[in-house]
Amino acid sequence: MKRTNVSSSNIASIGYDERTETLEVEFLNGGVYQYFDVPKHIYNEMMGASSHGQYLAQNIKGRYRYSKV
C-alpha cells in the first residue's frame, strides 16, 4: 500500500486503500498496523489533523479491527 510520510512524533507514514477501507499506519519504531473498515472521511480527518497520533488514539484505536503487518 502506498503511504504518505507525515510529520509526527510517533507516526512515520499513513496509507489508505479506498476499495477495502483499510488504513495503514507505519510508526517511527518500524511497526506497521492495518485498521479495517475505516471510512474514507476518517482517513481524511486523520490526514488533516494537527496531531496524527492524537487523532489515531482518540478516533481509531479501540474502534476498528486491526492487525500488525
Protein backbone atom coordinates (compact mmCIF):
# COMPACT_ATOMS: atom_id res chain seq x y z
CA MET A 1 0.00 0.00 0.00
CA LYS A 2 1.29 3.45 -0.87
CA ARG A 3 1.77 5.56 2.26
CA THR A 4 2.33 9.28 2.69
CA ASN A 5 5.06 10.47 5.04
CA VAL A 6 3.72 12.65 7.84
CA SER A 7 5.27 14.95 10.41
CA SER A 8 4.59 13.28 13.75
CA SER A 9 6.44 12.39 16.93
CA ASN A 10 5.17 8.79 16.70
CA ILE A 11 3.96 8.08 13.14
CA ALA A 12 6.19 7.85 10.06
CA SER A 13 3.58 7.38 7.31
CA ILE A 14 -0.11 6.77 6.68
CA GLY A 15 -1.79 4.98 3.78
CA TYR A 16 -5.35 4.19 2.78
CA ASP A 17 -6.94 1.73 0.38
CA GLU A 18 -10.33 3.12 -0.58
CA ARG A 19 -11.53 -0.14 -2.14
CA THR A 20 -11.05 -2.20 1.04
CA GLU A 21 -11.36 0.70 3.51
CA THR A 22 -8.02 -0.26 5.05
CA LEU A 23 -5.97 2.33 6.90
CA GLU A 24 -2.27 1.53 7.23
CA VAL A 25 -0.07 3.28 9.79
CA GLU A 26 3.71 2.97 9.97
CA PHE A 27 5.16 4.03 13.30
CA LEU A 28 8.61 5.52 13.79
CA ASN A 29 9.66 2.37 15.67
CA GLY A 30 9.11 0.41 12.44
CA GLY A 31 5.80 -1.24 13.35
CA VAL A 32 3.11 -1.26 10.66
CA TYR A 33 -0.56 -1.73 11.51
CA GLN A 34 -3.63 -2.04 9.32
CA TYR A 35 -7.03 -0.90 10.59
CA PHE A 36 -10.05 -2.38 8.81
CA ASP A 37 -13.42 -0.98 7.68
CA VAL A 38 -12.28 2.60 8.21
CA PRO A 39 -14.46 5.08 6.27
CA LYS A 40 -12.64 7.45 3.95
CA HIS A 41 -13.76 10.51 5.92
CA ILE A 42 -11.89 9.14 8.98
CA TYR A 43 -8.71 8.84 6.89
CA ASN A 44 -9.22 12.37 5.53
CA GLU A 45 -9.76 13.74 9.05
CA MET A 46 -6.64 11.96 10.31
CA MET A 47 -4.54 13.37 7.48
CA GLY A 48 -5.85 16.87 8.23
CA ALA A 49 -5.46 16.62 12.00
CA SER A 50 -2.90 18.83 13.76
CA SER A 51 -1.75 15.71 15.64
CA HIS A 52 -1.95 12.44 13.70
CA GLY A 53 -1.07 10.38 16.77
CA GLN A 54 -3.71 12.04 18.94
CA TYR A 55 -6.33 11.54 16.23
CA LEU A 56 -5.38 7.87 15.96
CA ALA A 57 -5.66 7.39 19.73
CA GLN A 58 -8.99 9.21 20.06
CA ASN A 59 -10.82 8.08 16.92
CA ILE A 60 -9.35 4.84 15.59
CA LYS A 61 -7.71 2.71 18.28
CA GLY A 62 -10.30 0.61 20.07
CA ARG A 63 -12.95 1.33 17.42
CA TYR A 64 -11.67 -0.59 14.40
CA ARG A 65 -10.29 -4.10 13.98
CA TYR A 66 -6.58 -4.10 13.34
CA SER A 67 -3.66 -6.36 12.58
CA LYS A 68 0.09 -5.91 12.78
CA VAL A 69 1.64 -6.35 9.34
